[in-house]
Amino acid sequence: MIDVSQLKEHADVIGSDGVHVGTVDGVENGEIKLTKTDPAAGGLHHYIPVDFVQTIEGMTVRLDRPADDVKREWSTS
């Protein structure tokens, strides 16, 4: 289990394939809230489960699945 206190605002979120998914805005209700100003966000906040996180290394959050899979599963509410 990942220690969510290690998630830092503005950290880069990448899929297991090394592709950029978004930028951390914060954590809400067990989900990572991604910034809506990130080019990958399309002007919307997206939320991904904390359970997707494989590792946190400084300002990089690596997920346990490829970016395309994450984008199919993220929510906007």
PDB file of N, CA and C in Angstrom:
ATOM      1  N   MET A   1       0.843  -1.191   0.000  1.00  0.00           N
ATOM      2  CA  MET A   1       0.000   0.000   0.000  1.00  0.00           C
ATOM      3  C   MET A   1       0.883   1.248   0.000  1.00  0.00           C
ATOM      4  N   ILE A   2       0.524   2.192  -0.827  1.00  0.00           N
ATOM      5  CA  ILE A   2       1.285   3.437  -0.960  1.00  0.00           C
ATOM      6  C   ILE A   2       0.904   4.402   0.160  1.00  0.00           C
ATOM      7  N   ASP A   3       1.881   5.122   0.661  1.00  0.00           N
ATOM      8  CA  ASP A   3       1.648   6.163   1.652  1.00  0.00           C
ATOM      9  C   ASP A   3       1.241   7.435   0.906  1.00  0.00           C
ATOM     10  N   VAL A   4      -0.063   7.771   0.948  1.00  0.00           N
ATOM     11  CA  VAL A   4      -0.563   8.914   0.173  1.00  0.00           C
ATOM     12  C   VAL A   4       0.056  10.235   0.607  1.00  0.00           C
ATOM     13  N   SER A   5       0.625  10.284   1.799  1.00  0.00           N
ATOM     14  CA  SER A   5       1.272  11.525   2.231  1.00  0.00           C
ATOM     15  C   SER A   5       2.517  11.821   1.390  1.00  0.00           C
ATOM     16  N   GLN A   6       3.016  10.816   0.654  1.00  0.00           N
ATOM     17  CA  GLN A   6       4.164  11.015  -0.232  1.00  0.00           C
ATOM     18  C   GLN A   6       3.766  11.662  -1.556  1.00  0.00           C
ATOM     19  N   LEU A   7       2.474  11.697  -1.867  1.00  0.00           N
ATOM     20  CA  LEU A   7       2.011  12.321  -3.109  1.00  0.00           C
ATOM     21  C   LEU A   7       2.143  13.835  -2.986  1.00  0.00           C
ATOM     22  N   LYS A   8       2.918  14.400  -3.868  1.00  0.00           N
ATOM     23  CA  LYS A   8       3.184  15.839  -3.822  1.00  0.00           C
ATOM     24  C   LYS A   8       2.454  16.563  -4.942  1.00  0.00           C
ATOM     25  N   GLU A   9       1.928  17.736  -4.594  1.00  0.00           N
ATOM     26  CA  GLU A   9       1.288  18.585  -5.598  1.00  0.00           C
ATOM     27  C   GLU A   9       2.293  18.888  -6.705  1.00  0.00           C
ATOM     28  N   HIS A  10       1.827  18.846  -7.930  1.00  0.00           N
ATOM     29  CA  HIS A  10       2.611  19.110  -9.144  1.00  0.00           C
ATOM     30  C   HIS A  10       3.536  17.963  -9.544  1.00  0.00           C
ATOM     31  N   ALA A  11       3.433  16.799  -8.867  1.00  0.00           N
ATOM     32  CA  ALA A  11       4.230  15.638  -9.270  1.00  0.00           C
ATOM     33  C   ALA A  11       3.728  15.132 -10.621  1.00  0.00           C
ATOM     34  N   ASP A  12       4.621  14.609 -11.407  1.00  0.00           N
ATOM     35  CA  ASP A  12       4.314  14.057 -12.722  1.00  0.00           C
ATOM     36  C   ASP A  12       3.767  12.639 -12.550  1.00  0.00           C
ATOM     37  N   VAL A  13       2.642  12.345 -13.185  1.00  0.00           N
ATOM     38  CA  VAL A  13       2.034  11.018 -13.122  1.00  0.00           C
ATOM     39  C   VAL A  13       2.251  10.345 -14.469  1.00  0.00           C
ATOM     40  N   ILE A  14       2.886   9.158 -14.433  1.00  0.00           N
ATOM     41  CA  ILE A  14       3.167   8.449 -15.677  1.00  0.00           C
ATOM     42  C   ILE A  14       2.657   7.017 -15.593  1.00  0.00           C
ATOM     43  N   GLY A  15       2.267   6.503 -16.737  1.00  0.00           N
ATOM     44  CA  GLY A  15       1.815   5.127 -16.823  1.00  0.00           C
ATOM     45  C   GLY A  15       2.989   4.166 -16.768  1.00  0.00           C
ATOM     46  N   SER A  16       2.697   2.873 -16.663  1.00  0.00           N
ATOM     47  CA  SER A  16       3.751   1.860 -16.615  1.00  0.00           C
ATOM     48  C   SER A  16       4.562   1.816 -17.910  1.00  0.00           C
ATOM     49  N   ASP A  17       3.996   2.408 -18.963  1.00  0.00           N
ATOM     50  CA  ASP A  17       4.678   2.474 -20.256  1.00  0.00           C
ATOM     51  C   ASP A  17       5.545   3.726 -20.398  1.00  0.00           C
ATOM     52  N   GLY A  18       5.620   4.540 -19.333  1.00  0.00           N
ATOM     53  CA  GLY A  18       6.437   5.748 -19.354  1.00  0.00           C
ATOM     54  C   GLY A  18       5.763   6.952 -19.977  1.00  0.00           C
ATOM     55  N   VAL A  19       4.490   6.827 -20.361  1.00  0.00           N
ATOM     56  CA  VAL A  19       3.751   7.908 -21.002  1.00  0.00           C
ATOM     57  C   VAL A  19       3.087   8.790 -19.945  1.00  0.00           C
ATOM     58  N   HIS A  20       3.189  10.096 -20.134  1.00  0.00           N
ATOM     59  CA  HIS A  20       2.602  11.080 -19.221  1.00  0.00           C
ATOM     60  C   HIS A  20       1.083  10.927 -19.154  1.00  0.00           C
ATOM     61  N   VAL A  21       0.549  10.908 -17.927  1.00  0.00           N
ATOM     62  CA  VAL A  21      -0.901  10.807 -17.702  1.00  0.00           C
ATOM     63  C   VAL A  21      -1.456  12.139 -17.203  1.00  0.00           C
ATOM     64  N   GLY A  22      -0.715  12.811 -16.327  1.00  0.00           N
ATOM     65  CA  GLY A  22      -1.194  14.068 -15.771  1.00  0.00           C
ATOM     66  C   GLY A  22      -0.256  14.592 -14.707  1.00  0.00           C
ATOM     67  N   THR A  23      -0.763  15.591 -13.974  1.00  0.00           N
ATOM     68  CA  THR A  23      -0.016  16.236 -12.910  1.00  0.00           C
ATOM     69  C   THR A  23      -0.880  16.244 -11.656  1.00  0.00           C
ATOM     70  N   VAL A  24      -0.303  15.859 -10.528  1.00  0.00           N
ATOM     71  CA  VAL A  24      -1.047  15.788  -9.271  1.00  0.00           C
ATOM     72  C   VAL A  24      -1.488  17.177  -8.827  1.00  0.00           C
ATOM     73  N   ASP A  25      -2.785  17.290  -8.513  1.00  0.00           N
ATOM     74  CA  ASP A  25      -3.344  18.501  -7.923  1.00  0.00           C
ATOM     75  C   ASP A  25      -3.565  18.277  -6.424  1.00  0.00           C
ATOM     76  N   GLY A  26      -3.859  17.030  -6.053  1.00  0.00           N
ATOM     77  CA  GLY A  26      -4.084  16.685  -4.658  1.00  0.00           C
ATOM     78  C   GLY A  26      -4.687  15.294  -4.545  1.00  0.00           C
ATOM     79  N   VAL A  27      -5.111  14.947  -3.327  1.00  0.00           N
ATOM     80  CA  VAL A  27      -5.767  13.667  -3.078  1.00  0.00           C
ATOM     81  C   VAL A  27      -7.113  13.957  -2.436  1.00  0.00           C
ATOM     82  N   GLU A  28      -8.169  13.366  -2.990  1.00  0.00           N
ATOM     83  CA  GLU A  28      -9.522  13.548  -2.466  1.00  0.00           C
ATOM     84  C   GLU A  28     -10.236  12.204  -2.439  1.00  0.00           C
ATOM     85  N   ASN A  29     -10.752  11.835  -1.284  1.00  0.00           N
ATOM     86  CA  ASN A  29     -11.563  10.619  -1.150  1.00  0.00           C
ATOM     87  C   ASN A  29     -10.895   9.375  -1.724  1.00  0.00           C
ATOM     88  N   GLY A  30      -9.616   9.197  -1.452  1.00  0.00           N
ATOM     89  CA  GLY A  30      -8.907   8.012  -1.906  1.00  0.00           C
ATOM     90  C   GLY A  30      -8.547   8.014  -3.376  1.00  0.00           C
ATOM     91  N   GLU A  31      -8.645   9.167  -4.017  1.00  0.00           N
ATOM     92  CA  GLU A  31      -8.293   9.269  -5.431  1.00  0.00           C
ATOM     93  C   GLU A  31      -7.317  10.419  -5.638  1.00  0.00           C
ATOM     94  N   ILE A  32      -6.471  10.256  -6.636  1.00  0.00           N
ATOM     95  CA  ILE A  32      -5.554  11.326  -7.016  1.00  0.00           C
ATOM     96  C   ILE A  32      -6.302  12.252  -7.956  1.00  0.00           C
ATOM     97  N   LYS A  33      -6.342  13.515  -7.591  1.00  0.00           N
ATOM     98  CA  LYS A  33      -6.966  14.537  -8.433  1.00  0.00           C
ATOM     99  C   LYS A  33      -5.861  15.123  -9.307  1.00  0.00           C
ATOM    100  N   LEU A  34      -6.068  15.072 -10.616  1.00  0.00           N
ATOM    101  CA  LEU A  34      -5.093  15.619 -11.562  1.00  0.00           C
ATOM    102  C   LEU A  34      -5.488  17.041 -11.942  1.00  0.00           C
ATOM    103  N   THR A  35      -4.489  17.883 -12.183  1.00  0.00           N
ATOM    104  CA  THR A  35      -4.766  19.280 -12.539  1.00  0.00           C
ATOM    105  C   THR A  35      -5.506  19.364 -13.866  1.00  0.00           C
ATOM    106  N   LYS A  36      -6.391  20.329 -13.954  1.00  0.00           N
ATOM    107  CA  LYS A  36      -7.138  20.518 -15.197  1.00  0.00           C
ATOM    108  C   LYS A  36      -6.353  21.342 -16.208  1.00  0.00           C
ATOM    109  N   THR A  37      -5.260  21.967 -15.771  1.00  0.00           N
ATOM    110  CA  THR A  37      -4.454  22.783 -16.676  1.00  0.00           C
ATOM    111  C   THR A  37      -3.393  21.971 -17.410  1.00  0.00           C
ATOM    112  N   ASP A  38      -3.244  20.694 -17.048  1.00  0.00           N
ATOM    113  CA  ASP A  38      -2.287  19.827 -17.731  1.00  0.00           C
ATOM    114  C   ASP A  38      -2.750  19.617 -19.175  1.00  0.00           C
ATOM    115  N   PRO A  39      -1.836  19.634 -20.139  1.00  0.00           N
ATOM    116  CA  PRO A  39      -2.233  19.436 -21.535  1.00  0.00           C
ATOM    117  C   PRO A  39      -3.016  18.138 -21.781  1.00  0.00           C
ATOM    118  N   ALA A  40      -2.767  17.096 -20.988  1.00  0.00           N
ATOM    119  CA  ALA A  40      -3.460  15.816 -21.170  1.00  0.00           C
ATOM    120  C   ALA A  40      -4.876  15.827 -20.596  1.00  0.00           C
ATOM    121  N   ALA A  41      -5.233  16.885 -19.850  1.00  0.00           N
ATOM    122  CA  ALA A  41      -6.499  16.895 -19.114  1.00  0.00           C
ATOM    123  C   ALA A  41      -7.696  17.424 -19.912  1.00  0.00           C
ATOM    124  N   GLY A  42      -7.455  18.146 -20.970  1.00  0.00           N
ATOM    125  CA  GLY A  42      -8.565  18.688 -21.746  1.00  0.00           C
ATOM    126  C   GLY A  42      -9.412  19.678 -20.968  1.00  0.00           C
ATOM    127  N   GLY A  43      -8.802  20.379 -20.008  1.00  0.00           N
ATOM    128  CA  GLY A  43      -9.514  21.396 -19.243  1.00  0.00           C
ATOM    129  C   GLY A  43     -10.378  20.864 -18.109  1.00  0.00           C
ATOM    130  N   LEU A  44     -10.270  19.575 -17.800  1.00  0.00           N
ATOM    131  CA  LEU A  44     -11.073  18.972 -16.727  1.00  0.00           C
ATOM    132  C   LEU A  44     -10.172  18.339 -15.672  1.00  0.00           C
ATOM    133  N   HIS A  45     -10.644  18.368 -14.418  1.00  0.00           N
ATOM    134  CA  HIS A  45      -9.972  17.585 -13.385  1.00  0.00           C
ATOM    135  C   HIS A  45     -10.315  16.123 -13.636  1.00  0.00           C
ATOM    136  N   HIS A  46      -9.334  15.258 -13.554  1.00  0.00           N
ATOM    137  CA  HIS A  46      -9.565  13.822 -13.657  1.00  0.00           C
ATOM    138  C   HIS A  46      -9.127  13.182 -12.348  1.00  0.00           C
ATOM    139  N   TYR A  47      -9.754  12.079 -12.007  1.00  0.00           N
ATOM    140  CA  TYR A  47      -9.477  11.372 -10.765  1.00  0.00           C
ATOM    141  C   TYR A  47      -9.105   9.933 -11.078  1.00  0.00           C
ATOM    142  N   ILE A  48      -8.026   9.475 -10.437  1.00  0.00           N
ATOM    143  CA  ILE A  48      -7.625   8.081 -10.586  1.00  0.00           C
ATOM    144  C   ILE A  48      -7.436   7.483  -9.190  1.00  0.00           C
ATOM    145  N   PRO A  49      -7.785   6.221  -9.024  1.00  0.00           N
ATOM    146  CA  PRO A  49      -7.645   5.593  -7.711  1.00  0.00           C
ATOM    147  C   PRO A  49      -6.185   5.547  -7.247  1.00  0.00           C
ATOM    148  N   VAL A  50      -5.986   5.783  -5.969  1.00  0.00           N
ATOM    149  CA  VAL A  50      -4.650   5.682  -5.379  1.00  0.00           C
ATOM    150  C   VAL A  50      -4.111   4.262  -5.586  1.00  0.00           C
ATOM    151  N   ASP A  51      -4.994   3.282  -5.672  1.00  0.00           N
ATOM    152  CA  ASP A  51      -4.585   1.889  -5.871  1.00  0.00           C
ATOM    153  C   ASP A  51      -3.812   1.680  -7.169  1.00  0.00           C
ATOM    154  N   PHE A  52      -3.919   2.600  -8.130  1.00  0.00           N
ATOM    155  CA  PHE A  52      -3.191   2.488  -9.397  1.00  0.00           C
ATOM    156  C   PHE A  52      -1.694   2.771  -9.213  1.00  0.00           C
ATOM    157  N   VAL A  53      -1.320   3.405  -8.109  1.00  0.00           N
ATOM    158  CA  VAL A  53       0.066   3.832  -7.902  1.00  0.00           C
ATOM    159  C   VAL A  53       0.953   2.629  -7.595  1.00  0.00           C
ATOM    160  N   GLN A  54       2.016   2.519  -8.371  1.00  0.00           N
ATOM    161  CA  GLN A  54       2.994   1.461  -8.141  1.00  0.00           C
ATOM    162  C   GLN A  54       4.133   1.982  -7.269  1.00  0.00           C
ATOM    163  N   THR A  55       4.678   3.139  -7.638  1.00  0.00           N
ATOM    164  CA  THR A  55       5.765   3.734  -6.860  1.00  0.00           C
ATOM    165  C   THR A  55       5.661   5.257  -6.886  1.00  0.00           C
ATOM    166  N   ILE A  56       6.250   5.857  -5.873  1.00  0.00           N
ATOM    167  CA  ILE A  56       6.408   7.315  -5.818  1.00  0.00           C
ATOM    168  C   ILE A  56       7.888   7.566  -5.594  1.00  0.00           C
ATOM    169  N   GLU A  57       8.503   8.256  -6.553  1.00  0.00           N
ATOM    170  CA  GLU A  57       9.924   8.567  -6.466  1.00  0.00           C
ATOM    171  C   GLU A  57      10.091  10.062  -6.634  1.00  0.00           C
ATOM    172  N   GLY A  58      10.215  10.773  -5.518  1.00  0.00           N
ATOM    173  CA  GLY A  58      10.338  12.223  -5.579  1.00  0.00           C
ATOM    174  C   GLY A  58       9.107  12.860  -6.183  1.00  0.00           C
ATOM    175  N   MET A  59       9.276  13.501  -7.333  1.00  0.00           N
ATOM    176  CA  MET A  59       8.175  14.195  -8.001  1.00  0.00           C
ATOM    177  C   MET A  59       7.626  13.386  -9.179  1.00  0.00           C
ATOM    178  N   THR A  60       7.811  12.059  -9.132  1.00  0.00           N
ATOM    179  CA  THR A  60       7.286  11.183 -10.172  1.00  0.00           C
ATOM    180  C   THR A  60       6.430  10.086  -9.541  1.00  0.00           C
ATOM    181  N   VAL A  61       5.204   9.974 -10.024  1.00  0.00           N
ATOM    182  CA  VAL A  61       4.282   8.933  -9.582  1.00  0.00           C
ATOM    183  C   VAL A  61       4.124   7.964 -10.752  1.00  0.00           C
ATOM    184  N   ARG A  62       4.569   6.727 -10.550  1.00  0.00           N
ATOM    185  CA  ARG A  62       4.470   5.713 -11.602  1.00  0.00           C
ATOM    186  C   ARG A  62       3.288   4.804 -11.296  1.00  0.00           C
ATOM    187  N   LEU A  63       2.436   4.618 -12.303  1.00  0.00           N
ATOM    188  CA  LEU A  63       1.237   3.801 -12.142  1.00  0.00           C
ATOM    189  C   LEU A  63       1.507   2.362 -12.574  1.00  0.00           C
ATOM    190  N   ASP A  64       0.585   1.467 -12.193  1.00  0.00           N
ATOM    191  CA  ASP A  64       0.764   0.033 -12.463  1.00  0.00           C
ATOM    192  C   ASP A  64       0.156  -0.413 -13.786  1.00  0.00           C
ATOM    193  N   ARG A  65      -0.276   0.538 -14.596  1.00  0.00           N
ATOM    194  CA  ARG A  65      -0.884   0.213 -15.892  1.00  0.00           C
ATOM    195  C   ARG A  65      -0.530   1.284 -16.911  1.00  0.00           C
ATOM    196  N   PRO A  66      -0.612   0.947 -18.202  1.00  0.00           N
ATOM    197  CA  PRO A  66      -0.273   1.921 -19.248  1.00  0.00           C
ATOM    198  C   PRO A  66      -1.196   3.141 -19.247  1.00  0.00           C
ATOM    199  N   ALA A  67      -0.689   4.246 -19.748  1.00  0.00           N
ATOM    200  CA  ALA A  67      -1.424   5.506 -19.768  1.00  0.00           C
ATOM    201  C   ALA A  67      -2.789   5.383 -20.450  1.00  0.00           C
ATOM    202  N   ASP A  68      -2.862   4.681 -21.577  1.00  0.00           N
ATOM    203  CA  ASP A  68      -4.149   4.542 -22.277  1.00  0.00           C
ATOM    204  C   ASP A  68      -5.187   3.842 -21.405  1.00  0.00           C
ATOM    205  N   ASP A  69      -4.771   2.831 -20.639  1.00  0.00           N
ATOM    206  CA  ASP A  69      -5.691   2.130 -19.741  1.00  0.00           C
ATOM    207  C   ASP A  69      -6.185   3.064 -18.635  1.00  0.00           C
ATOM    208  N   VAL A  70      -5.280   3.867 -18.094  1.00  0.00           N
ATOM    209  CA  VAL A  70      -5.645   4.826 -17.037  1.00  0.00           C
ATOM    210  C   VAL A  70      -6.679   5.813 -17.574  1.00  0.00           C
ATOM    211  N   LYS A  71      -6.447   6.335 -18.762  1.00  0.00           N
ATOM    212  CA  LYS A  71      -7.340   7.334 -19.345  1.00  0.00           C
ATOM    213  C   LYS A  71      -8.721   6.758 -19.671  1.00  0.00           C
ATOM    214  N   ARG A  72      -8.783   5.463 -19.926  1.00  0.00           N
ATOM    215  CA  ARG A  72     -10.078   4.821 -20.142  1.00  0.00           C
ATOM    216  C   ARG A  72     -10.864   4.677 -18.827  1.00  0.00           C
ATOM    217  N   GLU A  73     -10.111   4.604 -17.715  1.00  0.00           N
ATOM    218  CA  GLU A  73     -10.741   4.332 -16.420  1.00  0.00           C
ATOM    219  C   GLU A  73     -10.896   5.568 -15.532  1.00  0.00           C
ATOM    220  N   TRP A  74     -10.230   6.680 -15.849  1.00  0.00           N
ATOM    221  CA  TRP A  74     -10.337   7.834 -14.954  1.00  0.00           C
ATOM    222  C   TRP A  74     -11.717   8.429 -14.993  1.00  0.00           C
ATOM    223  N   SER A  75     -12.049   9.189 -13.953  1.00  0.00           N
ATOM    224  CA  SER A  75     -13.358   9.841 -13.898  1.00  0.00           C
ATOM    225  C   SER A  75     -13.160  11.344 -13.782  1.00  0.00           C
ATOM    226  N   THR A  76     -14.234  12.081 -14.035  1.00  0.00           N
ATOM    227  CA  THR A  76     -14.181  13.536 -13.932  1.00  0.00           C
ATOM    228  C   THR A  76     -15.035  14.036 -12.768  1.00  0.00           C
ATOM    229  N   SER A  77     -15.500  13.118 -11.922  1.00  0.00           N
ATOM    230  CA  SER A  77     -16.283  13.567 -10.756  1.00  0.00           C
ATOM    231  C   SER A  77     -15.951  12.746  -9.539  1.00  0.00           C
TER     232      SER A  77
END
